[in-house]
């Protein structure tokens, strides 16, 4: 995914609200659903999503209690305005 110089919104389980919120950036951000990637006690244990920049750095995370809070701001900051 990163060879295309696009971001990746990695959802760790089914999370339609995240996909809906990120839809306006689908030309610049891949949406990838994954399950079973977090080992208990790992850095991503307990998270529901990660927004990863094209250079591989995580620029936003979500936990069950935060939902989509801050996702739009992170998408705007790192990937520009939403597509019309």
PDB file of N, CA and C in Angstrom:
ATOM      1  N   UNK A   1       0.807  -1.208   0.000  1.00  0.00           N
ATOM      2  CA  UNK A   1       0.000   0.000   0.000  1.00  0.00           C
ATOM      3  C   UNK A   1       0.849   1.270   0.000  1.00  0.00           C
ATOM      4  N   UNK A   2       1.967   1.242   0.668  1.00  0.00           N
ATOM      5  CA  UNK A   2       2.750   2.463   0.823  1.00  0.00           C
ATOM      6  C   UNK A   2       3.551   2.825  -0.419  1.00  0.00           C
ATOM      7  N   UNK A   3       3.739   1.897  -1.336  1.00  0.00           N
ATOM      8  CA  UNK A   3       4.466   2.197  -2.564  1.00  0.00           C
ATOM      9  C   UNK A   3       3.717   3.206  -3.426  1.00  0.00           C
ATOM     10  N   UNK A   4       2.421   3.314  -3.251  1.00  0.00           N
ATOM     11  CA  UNK A   4       1.615   4.248  -4.037  1.00  0.00           C
ATOM     12  C   UNK A   4       1.603   5.647  -3.429  1.00  0.00           C
ATOM     13  N   UNK A   5       2.355   5.854  -2.351  1.00  0.00           N
ATOM     14  CA  UNK A   5       2.436   7.151  -1.661  1.00  0.00           C
ATOM     15  C   UNK A   5       1.067   7.629  -1.205  1.00  0.00           C
ATOM     16  N   UNK A   6       0.277   6.689  -0.686  1.00  0.00           N
ATOM     17  CA  UNK A   6      -1.029   7.011  -0.129  1.00  0.00           C
ATOM     18  C   UNK A   6      -1.035   6.623   1.331  1.00  0.00           C
ATOM     19  N   UNK A   7      -1.917   7.256   2.077  1.00  0.00           N
ATOM     20  CA  UNK A   7      -2.100   6.879   3.465  1.00  0.00           C
ATOM     21  C   UNK A   7      -2.903   5.597   3.558  1.00  0.00           C
ATOM     22  N   UNK A   8      -2.932   5.040   4.761  1.00  0.00           N
ATOM     23  CA  UNK A   8      -3.716   3.837   5.025  1.00  0.00           C
ATOM     24  C   UNK A   8      -4.485   4.053   6.316  1.00  0.00           C
ATOM     25  N   UNK A   9      -5.803   3.880   6.242  1.00  0.00           N
ATOM     26  CA  UNK A   9      -6.627   3.844   7.443  1.00  0.00           C
ATOM     27  C   UNK A   9      -6.874   2.373   7.726  1.00  0.00           C
ATOM     28  N   UNK A  10      -6.200   1.869   8.731  1.00  0.00           N
ATOM     29  CA  UNK A  10      -6.265   0.464   9.095  1.00  0.00           C
ATOM     30  C   UNK A  10      -7.294   0.319  10.198  1.00  0.00           C
ATOM     31  N   UNK A  11      -8.402  -0.346   9.892  1.00  0.00           N
ATOM     32  CA  UNK A  11      -9.414  -0.594  10.912  1.00  0.00           C
ATOM     33  C   UNK A  11      -9.189  -1.985  11.468  1.00  0.00           C
ATOM     34  N   UNK A  12      -9.160  -2.074  12.759  1.00  0.00           N
ATOM     35  CA  UNK A  12      -8.878  -3.342  13.433  1.00  0.00           C
ATOM     36  C   UNK A  12     -10.205  -3.964  13.850  1.00  0.00           C
ATOM     37  N   UNK A  13     -10.922  -4.460  12.871  1.00  0.00           N
ATOM     38  CA  UNK A  13     -12.267  -4.983  13.050  1.00  0.00           C
ATOM     39  C   UNK A  13     -13.199  -4.192  12.154  1.00  0.00           C
ATOM     40  N   UNK A  14     -14.461  -4.504  12.192  1.00  0.00           N
ATOM     41  CA  UNK A  14     -15.433  -3.825  11.337  1.00  0.00           C
ATOM     42  C   UNK A  14     -15.819  -2.493  11.966  1.00  0.00           C
ATOM     43  N   UNK A  15     -15.575  -1.399  11.266  1.00  0.00           N
ATOM     44  CA  UNK A  15     -15.910  -0.089  11.804  1.00  0.00           C
ATOM     45  C   UNK A  15     -16.437   0.814  10.691  1.00  0.00           C
ATOM     46  N   UNK A  16     -17.707   0.681  10.382  1.00  0.00           N
ATOM     47  CA  UNK A  16     -18.315   1.437   9.294  1.00  0.00           C
ATOM     48  C   UNK A  16     -18.267   2.943   9.519  1.00  0.00           C
ATOM     49  N   UNK A  17     -18.452   3.475  10.743  1.00  0.00           N
ATOM     50  CA  UNK A  17     -18.350   4.932  10.913  1.00  0.00           C
ATOM     51  C   UNK A  17     -17.004   5.501  10.463  1.00  0.00           C
ATOM     52  N   UNK A  18     -15.917   4.791  10.707  1.00  0.00           N
ATOM     53  CA  UNK A  18     -14.607   5.250  10.254  1.00  0.00           C
ATOM     54  C   UNK A  18     -14.537   5.261   8.741  1.00  0.00           C
ATOM     55  N   UNK A  19     -15.034   4.220   8.111  1.00  0.00           N
ATOM     56  CA  UNK A  19     -15.032   4.146   6.647  1.00  0.00           C
ATOM     57  C   UNK A  19     -15.869   5.267   6.059  1.00  0.00           C
ATOM     58  N   UNK A  20     -17.008   5.541   6.656  1.00  0.00           N
ATOM     59  CA  UNK A  20     -17.879   6.611   6.171  1.00  0.00           C
ATOM     60  C   UNK A  20     -17.196   7.967   6.293  1.00  0.00           C
ATOM     61  N   UNK A  21     -16.540   8.209   7.424  1.00  0.00           N
ATOM     62  CA  UNK A  21     -15.884   9.500   7.643  1.00  0.00           C
ATOM     63  C   UNK A  21     -14.697   9.701   6.703  1.00  0.00           C
ATOM     64  N   UNK A  22     -14.004   8.636   6.369  1.00  0.00           N
ATOM     65  CA  UNK A  22     -12.817   8.738   5.515  1.00  0.00           C
ATOM     66  C   UNK A  22     -13.149   8.659   4.029  1.00  0.00           C
ATOM     67  N   UNK A  23     -14.392   8.440   3.672  1.00  0.00           N
ATOM     68  CA  UNK A  23     -14.770   8.233   2.269  1.00  0.00           C
ATOM     69  C   UNK A  23     -14.354   9.391   1.363  1.00  0.00           C
ATOM     70  N   UNK A  24     -14.386  10.611   1.857  1.00  0.00           N
ATOM     71  CA  UNK A  24     -14.034  11.776   1.029  1.00  0.00           C
ATOM     72  C   UNK A  24     -12.540  11.850   0.717  1.00  0.00           C
ATOM     73  N   UNK A  25     -11.737  10.998   1.328  1.00  0.00           N
ATOM     74  CA  UNK A  25     -10.292  10.953   1.072  1.00  0.00           C
ATOM     75  C   UNK A  25      -9.893   9.665   0.363  1.00  0.00           C
ATOM     76  N   UNK A  26     -10.848   8.913  -0.170  1.00  0.00           N
ATOM     77  CA  UNK A  26     -10.541   7.608  -0.753  1.00  0.00           C
ATOM     78  C   UNK A  26      -9.595   7.693  -1.945  1.00  0.00           C
ATOM     79  N   UNK A  27      -9.445   8.872  -2.526  1.00  0.00           N
ATOM     80  CA  UNK A  27      -8.487   9.028  -3.617  1.00  0.00           C
ATOM     81  C   UNK A  27      -7.052   9.162  -3.113  1.00  0.00           C
ATOM     82  N   UNK A  28      -6.882   9.340  -1.792  1.00  0.00           N
ATOM     83  CA  UNK A  28      -5.548   9.523  -1.203  1.00  0.00           C
ATOM     84  C   UNK A  28      -5.250   8.593  -0.047  1.00  0.00           C
ATOM     85  N   UNK A  29      -6.281   7.914   0.461  1.00  0.00           N
ATOM     86  CA  UNK A  29      -6.121   7.055   1.635  1.00  0.00           C
ATOM     87  C   UNK A  29      -6.811   5.715   1.369  1.00  0.00           C
ATOM     88  N   UNK A  30      -6.056   4.631   1.479  1.00  0.00           N
ATOM     89  CA  UNK A  30      -6.643   3.292   1.387  1.00  0.00           C
ATOM     90  C   UNK A  30      -7.339   2.968   2.699  1.00  0.00           C
ATOM     91  N   UNK A  31      -8.447   2.282   2.633  1.00  0.00           N
ATOM     92  CA  UNK A  31      -9.125   1.761   3.814  1.00  0.00           C
ATOM     93  C   UNK A  31      -8.883   0.258   3.842  1.00  0.00           C
ATOM     94  N   UNK A  32      -8.244  -0.208   4.901  1.00  0.00           N
ATOM     95  CA  UNK A  32      -7.890  -1.620   5.016  1.00  0.00           C
ATOM     96  C   UNK A  32      -8.459  -2.149   6.327  1.00  0.00           C
ATOM     97  N   UNK A  33      -9.289  -3.175   6.231  1.00  0.00           N
ATOM     98  CA  UNK A  33      -9.848  -3.823   7.417  1.00  0.00           C
ATOM     99  C   UNK A  33      -8.967  -5.019   7.774  1.00  0.00           C
ATOM    100  N   UNK A  34      -8.626  -5.122   9.042  1.00  0.00           N
ATOM    101  CA  UNK A  34      -7.793  -6.229   9.504  1.00  0.00           C
ATOM    102  C   UNK A  34      -8.309  -6.720  10.846  1.00  0.00           C
ATOM    103  N   UNK A  35      -8.108  -7.983  11.098  1.00  0.00           N
ATOM    104  CA  UNK A  35      -8.484  -8.565  12.388  1.00  0.00           C
ATOM    105  C   UNK A  35      -7.342  -9.427  12.885  1.00  0.00           C
ATOM    106  N   UNK A  36      -7.213  -9.490  14.188  1.00  0.00           N
ATOM    107  CA  UNK A  36      -6.222 -10.371  14.776  1.00  0.00           C
ATOM    108  C   UNK A  36      -4.788  -9.915  14.622  1.00  0.00           C
ATOM    109  N   UNK A  37      -4.556  -8.599  14.432  1.00  0.00           N
ATOM    110  CA  UNK A  37      -3.188  -8.127  14.243  1.00  0.00           C
ATOM    111  C   UNK A  37      -2.535  -7.644  15.528  1.00  0.00           C
ATOM    112  N   UNK A  38      -3.312  -7.482  16.584  1.00  0.00           N
ATOM    113  CA  UNK A  38      -2.764  -6.929  17.831  1.00  0.00           C
ATOM    114  C   UNK A  38      -2.563  -8.031  18.865  1.00  0.00           C
ATOM    115  N   UNK A  39      -1.325  -8.265  19.201  1.00  0.00           N
ATOM    116  CA  UNK A  39      -1.032  -9.199  20.277  1.00  0.00           C
ATOM    117  C   UNK A  39      -1.377  -8.527  21.602  1.00  0.00           C
ATOM    118  N   UNK A  40      -1.925  -9.284  22.559  1.00  0.00           N
ATOM    119  CA  UNK A  40      -2.202  -8.693  23.871  1.00  0.00           C
ATOM    120  C   UNK A  40      -0.941  -8.059  24.457  1.00  0.00           C
ATOM    121  N   UNK A  41      -1.081  -6.825  24.903  1.00  0.00           N
ATOM    122  CA  UNK A  41       0.041  -6.095  25.474  1.00  0.00           C
ATOM    123  C   UNK A  41       0.877  -5.344  24.460  1.00  0.00           C
ATOM    124  N   UNK A  42       0.577  -5.480  23.158  1.00  0.00           N
ATOM    125  CA  UNK A  42       1.342  -4.761  22.138  1.00  0.00           C
ATOM    126  C   UNK A  42       0.919  -3.296  22.102  1.00  0.00           C
ATOM    127  N   UNK A  43       1.645  -2.499  21.360  1.00  0.00           N
ATOM    128  CA  UNK A  43       1.375  -1.061  21.269  1.00  0.00           C
ATOM    129  C   UNK A  43       0.006  -0.758  20.681  1.00  0.00           C
ATOM    130  N   UNK A  44      -0.541  -1.643  19.868  1.00  0.00           N
ATOM    131  CA  UNK A  44      -1.849  -1.390  19.255  1.00  0.00           C
ATOM    132  C   UNK A  44      -2.980  -2.162  19.927  1.00  0.00           C
ATOM    133  N   UNK A  45      -2.679  -2.908  20.961  1.00  0.00           N
ATOM    134  CA  UNK A  45      -3.705  -3.639  21.703  1.00  0.00           C
ATOM    135  C   UNK A  45      -4.728  -2.656  22.252  1.00  0.00           C
ATOM    136  N   UNK A  46      -5.993  -2.882  21.977  1.00  0.00           N
ATOM    137  CA  UNK A  46      -7.056  -2.017  22.464  1.00  0.00           C
ATOM    138  C   UNK A  46      -7.447  -0.909  21.510  1.00  0.00           C
ATOM    139  N   UNK A  47      -6.710  -0.735  20.428  1.00  0.00           N
ATOM    140  CA  UNK A  47      -7.059   0.287  19.445  1.00  0.00           C
ATOM    141  C   UNK A  47      -8.029  -0.296  18.421  1.00  0.00           C
ATOM    142  N   UNK A  48      -8.851   0.583  17.837  1.00  0.00           N
ATOM    143  CA  UNK A  48      -9.792   0.141  16.816  1.00  0.00           C
ATOM    144  C   UNK A  48      -9.384   0.582  15.421  1.00  0.00           C
ATOM    145  N   UNK A  49      -8.471   1.546  15.326  1.00  0.00           N
ATOM    146  CA  UNK A  49      -8.027   2.015  14.011  1.00  0.00           C
ATOM    147  C   UNK A  49      -6.722   2.778  14.132  1.00  0.00           C
ATOM    148  N   UNK A  50      -5.985   2.811  13.006  1.00  0.00           N
ATOM    149  CA  UNK A  50      -4.748   3.572  12.891  1.00  0.00           C
ATOM    150  C   UNK A  50      -4.759   4.277  11.546  1.00  0.00           C
ATOM    151  N   UNK A  51      -4.375   5.540  11.529  1.00  0.00           N
ATOM    152  CA  UNK A  51      -4.165   6.248  10.272  1.00  0.00           C
ATOM    153  C   UNK A  51      -2.662   6.363  10.090  1.00  0.00           C
ATOM    154  N   UNK A  52      -2.179   5.811   8.989  1.00  0.00           N
ATOM    155  CA  UNK A  52      -0.744   5.740   8.746  1.00  0.00           C
ATOM    156  C   UNK A  52      -0.394   6.599   7.529  1.00  0.00           C
ATOM    157  N   UNK A  53       0.580   7.482   7.721  1.00  0.00           N
ATOM    158  CA  UNK A  53       1.054   8.318   6.616  1.00  0.00           C
ATOM    159  C   UNK A  53       1.804   7.465   5.596  1.00  0.00           C
ATOM    160  N   UNK A  54       2.005   7.969   4.382  1.00  0.00           N
ATOM    161  CA  UNK A  54       2.742   7.201   3.373  1.00  0.00           C
ATOM    162  C   UNK A  54       4.164   6.832   3.783  1.00  0.00           C
ATOM    163  N   UNK A  55       4.754   7.606   4.708  1.00  0.00           N
ATOM    164  CA  UNK A  55       6.115   7.289   5.154  1.00  0.00           C
ATOM    165  C   UNK A  55       6.145   6.259   6.282  1.00  0.00           C
ATOM    166  N   UNK A  56       4.961   5.725   6.636  1.00  0.00           N
ATOM    167  CA  UNK A  56       4.888   4.671   7.633  1.00  0.00           C
ATOM    168  C   UNK A  56       4.643   5.127   9.052  1.00  0.00           C
ATOM    169  N   UNK A  57       4.595   6.430   9.300  1.00  0.00           N
ATOM    170  CA  UNK A  57       4.348   6.933  10.646  1.00  0.00           C
ATOM    171  C   UNK A  57       2.856   6.956  10.944  1.00  0.00           C
ATOM    172  N   UNK A  58       2.498   6.565  12.153  1.00  0.00           N
ATOM    173  CA  UNK A  58       1.102   6.616  12.594  1.00  0.00           C
ATOM    174  C   UNK A  58       0.794   8.051  12.994  1.00  0.00           C
ATOM    175  N   UNK A  59      -0.250   8.621  12.410  1.00  0.00           N
ATOM    176  CA  UNK A  59      -0.583  10.019  12.701  1.00  0.00           C
ATOM    177  C   UNK A  59      -1.918  10.170  13.425  1.00  0.00           C
ATOM    178  N   UNK A  60      -2.631   9.066  13.663  1.00  0.00           N
ATOM    179  CA  UNK A  60      -3.896   9.118  14.405  1.00  0.00           C
ATOM    180  C   UNK A  60      -4.246   7.704  14.829  1.00  0.00           C
ATOM    181  N   UNK A  61      -4.838   7.579  16.008  1.00  0.00           N
ATOM    182  CA  UNK A  61      -5.320   6.283  16.488  1.00  0.00           C
ATOM    183  C   UNK A  61      -6.711   6.451  17.072  1.00  0.00           C
ATOM    184  N   UNK A  62      -7.446   5.365  17.111  1.00  0.00           N
ATOM    185  CA  UNK A  62      -8.777   5.354  17.719  1.00  0.00           C
ATOM    186  C   UNK A  62      -8.864   4.195  18.701  1.00  0.00           C
ATOM    187  N   UNK A  63      -9.584   4.432  19.762  1.00  0.00           N
ATOM    188  CA  UNK A  63      -9.902   3.407  20.745  1.00  0.00           C
ATOM    189  C   UNK A  63     -11.424   3.351  20.851  1.00  0.00           C
ATOM    190  N   UNK A  64     -11.977   2.297  21.436  1.00  0.00           N
ATOM    191  CA  UNK A  64     -13.431   2.195  21.516  1.00  0.00           C
ATOM    192  C   UNK A  64     -14.098   3.426  22.136  1.00  0.00           C
ATOM    193  N   UNK A  65     -13.466   4.024  23.104  1.00  0.00           N
ATOM    194  CA  UNK A  65     -14.074   5.172  23.783  1.00  0.00           C
ATOM    195  C   UNK A  65     -13.952   6.479  23.003  1.00  0.00           C
ATOM    196  N   UNK A  66     -13.065   6.548  22.012  1.00  0.00           N
ATOM    197  CA  UNK A  66     -12.896   7.790  21.257  1.00  0.00           C
ATOM    198  C   UNK A  66     -13.613   7.775  19.920  1.00  0.00           C
ATOM    199  N   UNK A  67     -13.933   6.597  19.409  1.00  0.00           N
ATOM    200  CA  UNK A  67     -14.636   6.512  18.130  1.00  0.00           C
ATOM    201  C   UNK A  67     -13.867   7.206  17.025  1.00  0.00           C
ATOM    202  N   UNK A  68     -14.538   8.112  16.308  1.00  0.00           N
ATOM    203  CA  UNK A  68     -13.909   8.803  15.185  1.00  0.00           C
ATOM    204  C   UNK A  68     -13.358  10.175  15.567  1.00  0.00           C
ATOM    205  N   UNK A  69     -13.352  10.500  16.848  1.00  0.00           N
ATOM    206  CA  UNK A  69     -12.864  11.817  17.292  1.00  0.00           C
ATOM    207  C   UNK A  69     -11.485  12.114  16.711  1.00  0.00           C
ATOM    208  N   UNK A  70     -11.374  13.233  16.032  1.00  0.00           N
ATOM    209  CA  UNK A  70     -10.096  13.680  15.503  1.00  0.00           C
ATOM    210  C   UNK A  70      -9.718  13.128  14.143  1.00  0.00           C
ATOM    211  N   UNK A  71     -10.487  12.174  13.616  1.00  0.00           N
ATOM    212  CA  UNK A  71     -10.114  11.578  12.329  1.00  0.00           C
ATOM    213  C   UNK A  71     -10.173  12.603  11.203  1.00  0.00           C
ATOM    214  N   UNK A  72     -11.235  13.374  11.127  1.00  0.00           N
ATOM    215  CA  UNK A  72     -11.346  14.369  10.059  1.00  0.00           C
ATOM    216  C   UNK A  72     -10.201  15.365  10.127  1.00  0.00           C
ATOM    217  N   UNK A  73      -9.861  15.824  11.320  1.00  0.00           N
ATOM    218  CA  UNK A  73      -8.736  16.758  11.473  1.00  0.00           C
ATOM    219  C   UNK A  73      -7.429  16.132  10.999  1.00  0.00           C
ATOM    220  N   UNK A  74      -7.197  14.878  11.356  1.00  0.00           N
ATOM    221  CA  UNK A  74      -5.967  14.205  10.939  1.00  0.00           C
ATOM    222  C   UNK A  74      -5.940  14.015   9.421  1.00  0.00           C
ATOM    223  N   UNK A  75      -7.071  13.645   8.849  1.00  0.00           N
ATOM    224  CA  UNK A  75      -7.127  13.485   7.396  1.00  0.00           C
ATOM    225  C   UNK A  75      -6.846  14.805   6.684  1.00  0.00           C
ATOM    226  N   UNK A  76      -7.432  15.886   7.174  1.00  0.00           N
ATOM    227  CA  UNK A  76      -7.195  17.208   6.580  1.00  0.00           C
ATOM    228  C   UNK A  76      -5.734  17.616   6.722  1.00  0.00           C
ATOM    229  N   UNK A  77      -5.176  17.409   7.902  1.00  0.00           N
ATOM    230  CA  UNK A  77      -3.788  17.803   8.172  1.00  0.00           C
ATOM    231  C   UNK A  77      -2.808  17.083   7.265  1.00  0.00           C
ATOM    232  N   UNK A  78      -2.965  15.791   7.125  1.00  0.00           N
ATOM    233  CA  UNK A  78      -1.975  14.989   6.418  1.00  0.00           C
ATOM    234  C   UNK A  78      -2.303  14.739   4.951  1.00  0.00           C
ATOM    235  N   UNK A  79      -3.596  14.863   4.572  1.00  0.00           N
ATOM    236  CA  UNK A  79      -3.970  14.492   3.205  1.00  0.00           C
ATOM    237  C   UNK A  79      -4.782  15.568   2.486  1.00  0.00           C
ATOM    238  N   UNK A  80      -4.874  16.747   3.071  1.00  0.00           N
ATOM    239  CA  UNK A  80      -5.538  17.863   2.413  1.00  0.00           C
ATOM    240  C   UNK A  80      -7.047  17.851   2.580  1.00  0.00           C
ATOM    241  N   UNK A  81      -7.709  18.759   1.886  1.00  0.00           N
ATOM    242  CA  UNK A  81      -9.163  18.857   2.012  1.00  0.00           C
ATOM    243  C   UNK A  81      -9.859  17.650   1.397  1.00  0.00           C
ATOM    244  N   UNK A  82     -11.082  17.358   1.858  1.00  0.00           N
ATOM    245  CA  UNK A  82     -11.814  16.232   1.285  1.00  0.00           C
ATOM    246  C   UNK A  82     -12.151  16.481  -0.177  1.00  0.00           C
ATOM    247  N   UNK A  83     -12.275  15.403  -0.929  1.00  0.00           N
ATOM    248  CA  UNK A  83     -12.675  15.514  -2.340  1.00  0.00           C
ATOM    249  C   UNK A  83     -14.131  15.917  -2.403  1.00  0.00           C
ATOM    250  N   UNK A  84     -14.455  16.646  -3.421  1.00  0.00           N
ATOM    251  CA  UNK A  84     -15.847  17.084  -3.588  1.00  0.00           C
ATOM    252  C   UNK A  84     -16.662  16.037  -4.264  1.00  0.00           C
TER     253      UNK A  84
END
